[in-house]
């Protein structure tokens, strides 16, 4: 297989993975009609961040974009959390499935440890919040009369709203979200395989799939550029639609 053809196939697969990421965000926006187009635009405009900015700091622009899209930092955080949780579950399923047929690499163990820890932290954090938030709310309502207490009560109320949104996102849509996440990571894994073949990667496929692949950053640039343009176009459409509504 030629280098050019493998690169084009990898780009198409990687582009398709991000198309499904946009679809997943739109699915998460259904029901409450919480700015599906704006969420997709936020993804398109920050798609490069995680790949370019190290140590997962690139998630900060993404989280900020979601918060702006739904006009709530807690709401945007809830959507981001569900998205990342579905990614973690999908990764665990795919890595365990691949490990049944391929040698277990160090990268596979590291990935399972990180994603398993994230899933456990989400479960433990959710359990703690479900128990402590009602107690804090009642305590603040009955006992606190200071400005700090009022501020804390507002924060607790926002956390309750975010928890309610997360529950709505998990109810009736998490199965579809997880299915889309499995498709996303399957496409990304296949893209990395093609990029690995063009780079002459070794036979340890699990290591190729789960490595950071920083050398492929330049190859992904066309996808980043395309989604940035798509994001600008969607955002421009949203702004124009709002302008026409105000001046109708």
Protein backbone atom coordinates (compact mmCIF):
# COMPACT_ATOMS: atom_id res chain seq x y z
CA UNK A 1 0.00 0.00 0.00
CA UNK A 2 1.47 3.36 -1.05
CA UNK A 3 2.37 6.06 1.44
CA UNK A 4 -0.02 8.59 -0.15
CA UNK A 5 -3.00 6.22 -0.18
CA UNK A 6 -2.43 5.13 3.44
CA UNK A 7 -2.23 8.76 4.54
CA UNK A 8 -5.47 9.63 2.73
CA UNK A 9 -7.28 6.66 4.29
CA UNK A 10 -5.96 7.63 7.74
CA UNK A 11 -7.10 11.21 7.26
CA UNK A 12 -10.56 10.06 6.12
CA UNK A 13 -10.89 7.77 9.16
CA UNK A 14 -9.72 10.48 11.55
CA UNK A 15 -12.09 12.99 9.94
CA UNK A 16 -14.93 10.47 10.32
CA UNK A 17 -14.10 10.01 14.01
CA UNK A 18 -14.57 13.72 14.60
CA UNK A 19 -17.78 13.76 12.58
CA UNK A 20 -19.12 11.17 15.03
CA UNK A 21 -17.85 13.32 17.93
CA UNK A 22 -19.99 16.15 16.55
CA UNK A 23 -22.94 13.76 16.27
CA UNK A 24 -22.44 12.66 19.88
CA UNK A 25 -22.53 16.25 21.08
CA UNK A 26 -25.70 16.88 19.10
CA UNK A 27 -27.29 13.78 20.67
CA UNK A 28 -26.35 15.11 24.11
CA UNK A 29 -28.04 18.42 23.27
CA UNK A 30 -31.36 16.79 22.36
CA UNK A 31 -34.34 16.99 24.70
CA UNK A 32 -33.44 20.27 26.34
CA UNK A 33 -32.46 21.84 22.99
CA UNK A 34 -29.30 23.18 24.62
CA UNK A 35 -27.48 24.68 21.63
CA UNK A 36 -26.56 21.65 19.54
CA UNK A 37 -25.12 23.79 16.74
CA UNK A 38 -23.09 25.85 19.21
CA UNK A 39 -21.72 22.68 20.84
CA UNK A 40 -20.67 21.32 17.45
CA UNK A 41 -19.04 24.66 16.63
CA UNK A 42 -17.19 24.59 19.97
CA UNK A 43 -15.85 21.12 19.17
CA UNK A 44 -14.77 22.11 15.67
CA UNK A 45 -12.97 25.22 16.91
CA UNK A 46 -11.13 23.37 19.71
CA UNK A 47 -10.47 20.05 17.95
CA UNK A 48 -6.76 20.88 17.67
CA UNK A 49 -6.32 21.81 21.33
CA UNK A 50 -5.92 18.34 22.86
CA UNK A 51 -3.41 17.30 20.21
CA UNK A 52 -1.27 20.44 20.36
CA UNK A 53 -1.46 21.56 24.02
CA UNK A 54 0.32 19.02 26.28
CA UNK A 55 -0.69 17.39 29.58
CA UNK A 56 -4.41 17.47 28.72
CA UNK A 57 -4.45 21.24 29.28
CA UNK A 58 -6.08 21.35 25.85
CA UNK A 59 -9.28 20.19 27.53
CA UNK A 60 -9.61 23.63 29.15
CA UNK A 61 -10.49 25.44 25.87
CA UNK A 62 -12.88 22.61 25.05
CA UNK A 63 -14.59 22.85 28.44
CA UNK A 64 -14.79 26.63 28.10
CA UNK A 65 -16.31 26.27 24.63
CA UNK A 66 -19.00 23.91 25.89
CA UNK A 67 -19.80 26.24 28.79
CA UNK A 68 -20.20 29.17 26.42
CA UNK A 69 -22.30 27.08 24.04
CA UNK A 70 -24.85 26.12 26.71
CA UNK A 71 -24.46 29.41 28.60
CA UNK A 72 -23.60 27.65 31.84
CA UNK A 73 -20.22 26.51 33.23
CA UNK A 74 -21.91 23.72 35.17
CA UNK A 75 -23.98 22.65 32.17
CA UNK A 76 -20.94 22.68 29.90
CA UNK A 77 -19.01 20.75 32.52
CA UNK A 78 -21.76 18.12 32.68
CA UNK A 79 -21.69 17.60 28.90
CA UNK A 80 -17.88 17.44 28.94
CA UNK A 81 -17.95 14.91 31.78
CA UNK A 82 -20.44 12.61 30.03
CA UNK A 83 -18.44 12.85 26.81
CA UNK A 84 -15.21 11.94 28.56
CA UNK A 85 -16.90 9.21 30.62
CA UNK A 86 -18.27 7.56 27.47
CA UNK A 87 -14.78 7.83 25.92
CA UNK A 88 -13.26 6.10 28.96
CA UNK A 89 -15.80 3.26 28.94
CA UNK A 90 -15.37 2.79 25.17
CA UNK A 91 -11.58 2.69 25.53
CA UNK A 92 -11.77 0.07 28.28
CA UNK A 93 -14.05 -2.12 26.14
CA UNK A 94 -11.91 -1.80 23.01
CA UNK A 95 -8.56 -2.26 24.75
CA UNK A 96 -9.75 -5.34 26.63
CA UNK A 97 -11.24 -6.70 23.40
CA UNK A 98 -7.99 -6.15 21.47
CA UNK A 99 -5.94 -7.61 24.32
CA UNK A 100 -7.81 -10.89 23.90
CA UNK A 101 -6.30 -11.29 20.43
CA UNK A 102 -3.02 -9.36 20.70
CA UNK A 103 -0.15 -9.31 23.20
CA UNK A 104 -0.79 -7.03 26.16
CA UNK A 105 1.51 -4.03 25.83
CA UNK A 106 2.63 -1.62 28.53
CA UNK A 107 0.55 1.12 26.87
CA UNK A 108 -2.56 -1.06 27.22
CA UNK A 109 -2.01 -1.49 30.96
CA UNK A 110 -1.37 2.25 31.41
CA UNK A 111 -4.49 3.14 29.42
CA UNK A 112 -6.66 0.71 31.38
CA UNK A 113 -5.29 2.08 34.66
CA UNK A 114 -5.97 5.71 33.71
CA UNK A 115 -9.42 5.13 32.24
CA UNK A 116 -10.40 2.75 35.05
CA UNK A 117 -9.29 5.33 37.59
CA UNK A 118 -11.28 8.05 35.83
CA UNK A 119 -14.42 5.89 35.74
CA UNK A 120 -13.99 5.00 39.42
CA UNK A 121 -13.44 8.66 40.33
CA UNK A 122 -16.61 9.67 38.46
CA UNK A 123 -18.62 6.95 40.22
CA UNK A 124 -17.23 7.84 43.66
CA UNK A 125 -17.64 11.58 43.08
CA UNK A 126 -21.23 11.11 41.92
CA UNK A 127 -22.04 8.96 44.95
CA UNK A 128 -20.55 11.54 47.33
CA UNK A 129 -22.35 14.46 45.65
CA UNK A 130 -25.71 12.66 45.70
CA UNK A 131 -25.37 12.23 49.46
CA UNK A 132 -23.73 15.51 50.51
CA UNK A 133 -25.45 18.11 48.28
CA UNK A 134 -28.96 17.74 49.85
CA UNK A 135 -27.37 17.91 53.31
CA UNK A 136 -25.43 21.06 52.43
CA UNK A 137 -28.50 22.70 50.89
CA UNK A 138 -30.64 22.04 53.94
CA UNK A 139 -27.87 23.15 56.29
CA UNK A 140 -27.33 26.42 54.41
CA UNK A 141 -31.06 27.16 54.17
CA UNK A 142 -31.69 26.53 57.87
CA UNK A 143 -28.47 27.77 59.50
CA UNK A 144 -26.62 30.28 57.34
CA UNK A 145 -27.53 33.98 57.31
CA UNK A 146 -24.25 35.47 56.02
CA UNK A 147 -23.34 36.67 52.50
CA UNK A 148 -20.85 33.80 52.26
CA UNK A 149 -23.62 31.37 53.11
CA UNK A 150 -25.82 32.85 50.39
CA UNK A 151 -22.99 32.52 47.87
CA UNK A 152 -22.40 28.91 48.94
CA UNK A 153 -26.13 28.21 48.57
CA UNK A 154 -26.03 29.55 45.00
CA UNK A 155 -23.05 27.31 44.23
CA UNK A 156 -24.84 24.28 45.70
CA UNK A 157 -27.91 25.13 43.60
CA UNK A 158 -25.80 25.27 40.42
CA UNK A 159 -24.19 21.93 41.30
CA UNK A 160 -27.68 20.46 41.78
CA UNK A 161 -28.71 21.75 38.35
CA UNK A 162 -25.58 20.22 36.81
CA UNK A 163 -26.27 16.89 38.54
CA UNK A 164 -29.85 16.95 37.27
CA UNK A 165 -28.59 17.57 33.74
CA UNK A 166 -26.08 14.72 34.01
CA UNK A 167 -28.88 12.40 35.13
CA UNK A 168 -30.97 13.47 32.12
CA UNK A 169 -28.01 12.84 29.82
CA UNK A 170 -27.43 9.40 31.35
CA UNK A 171 -31.12 8.46 31.10
CA UNK A 172 -32.16 7.24 27.68
CA UNK A 173 -29.11 8.51 25.81
CA UNK A 174 -26.03 6.97 27.40
CA UNK A 175 -26.36 3.72 25.42
CA UNK A 176 -26.43 5.65 22.15
CA UNK A 177 -23.62 7.89 23.37
CA UNK A 178 -21.53 4.83 24.26
CA UNK A 179 -22.22 3.23 20.87
CA UNK A 180 -21.08 6.41 19.11
CA UNK A 181 -17.99 6.48 21.35
CA UNK A 182 -17.12 2.91 20.31
CA UNK A 183 -17.40 3.96 16.66
CA UNK A 184 -15.25 7.03 17.32
CA UNK A 185 -12.41 5.10 18.91
CA UNK A 186 -12.62 2.28 16.36
CA UNK A 187 -12.12 4.86 13.60
CA UNK A 188 -9.30 6.55 15.51
CA UNK A 189 -7.58 3.21 16.13
CA UNK A 190 -7.83 2.32 12.45
CA UNK A 191 -6.47 5.75 11.49
CA UNK A 192 -3.48 5.22 13.78
CA UNK A 193 -2.91 1.80 12.22
CA UNK A 194 -2.68 3.35 8.76
CA UNK A 195 -0.43 6.15 10.04
CA UNK A 196 1.69 3.53 11.81
CA UNK A 197 2.02 1.53 8.59
CA UNK A 198 3.27 4.60 6.71
CA UNK A 199 5.81 5.21 9.49
CA UNK A 200 7.00 1.60 9.43
CA UNK A 201 5.73 0.80 12.93
CA UNK A 202 6.56 -2.52 14.54
CA UNK A 203 4.34 -5.52 15.07
CA UNK A 204 3.13 -4.55 18.55
CA UNK A 205 -0.24 -3.21 17.41
CA UNK A 206 -1.54 -2.36 20.88
CA UNK A 207 1.50 -0.15 21.45
CA UNK A 208 0.88 1.58 18.12
CA UNK A 209 -2.79 2.16 18.92
CA UNK A 210 -2.21 3.61 22.37
CA UNK A 211 1.00 5.55 21.83
CA UNK A 212 0.80 9.32 21.79
CA UNK A 213 1.62 9.47 18.06
CA UNK A 214 3.02 13.00 18.23
CA UNK A 215 4.81 12.29 14.97
CA UNK A 216 1.39 12.12 13.28
CA UNK A 217 0.48 15.66 14.37
CA UNK A 218 1.56 17.16 11.05
CA UNK A 219 -0.48 14.52 9.22
CA UNK A 220 -3.59 15.49 11.17
CA UNK A 221 -3.22 19.18 10.39
CA UNK A 222 -5.56 19.06 7.33
CA UNK A 223 -8.33 17.66 9.56
CA UNK A 224 -7.75 20.34 12.19
CA UNK A 225 -7.84 23.04 9.51
CA UNK A 226 -11.02 21.62 7.94
CA UNK A 227 -12.88 21.44 11.25
CA UNK A 228 -11.76 24.94 12.20
CA UNK A 229 -13.29 26.24 8.96
CA UNK A 230 -16.46 24.20 9.61
CA UNK A 231 -16.65 25.62 13.12
CA UNK A 232 -16.28 29.18 11.86
CA UNK A 233 -19.02 28.55 9.28
CA UNK A 234 -21.41 27.07 11.88
CA UNK A 235 -20.71 29.86 14.35
CA UNK A 236 -21.24 32.43 11.62
CA UNK A 237 -24.57 30.81 10.77
CA UNK A 238 -25.66 30.91 14.41
CA UNK A 239 -24.72 34.59 14.70
CA UNK A 240 -26.52 35.47 11.45
CA UNK A 241 -29.63 33.58 12.53
CA UNK A 242 -29.71 35.43 15.85
CA UNK A 243 -29.15 38.78 14.11
CA UNK A 244 -32.02 38.14 11.69
CA UNK A 245 -34.29 37.10 14.58
CA UNK A 246 -33.53 40.31 16.47
CA UNK A 247 -34.11 42.49 13.40
CA UNK A 248 -37.15 40.65 12.06
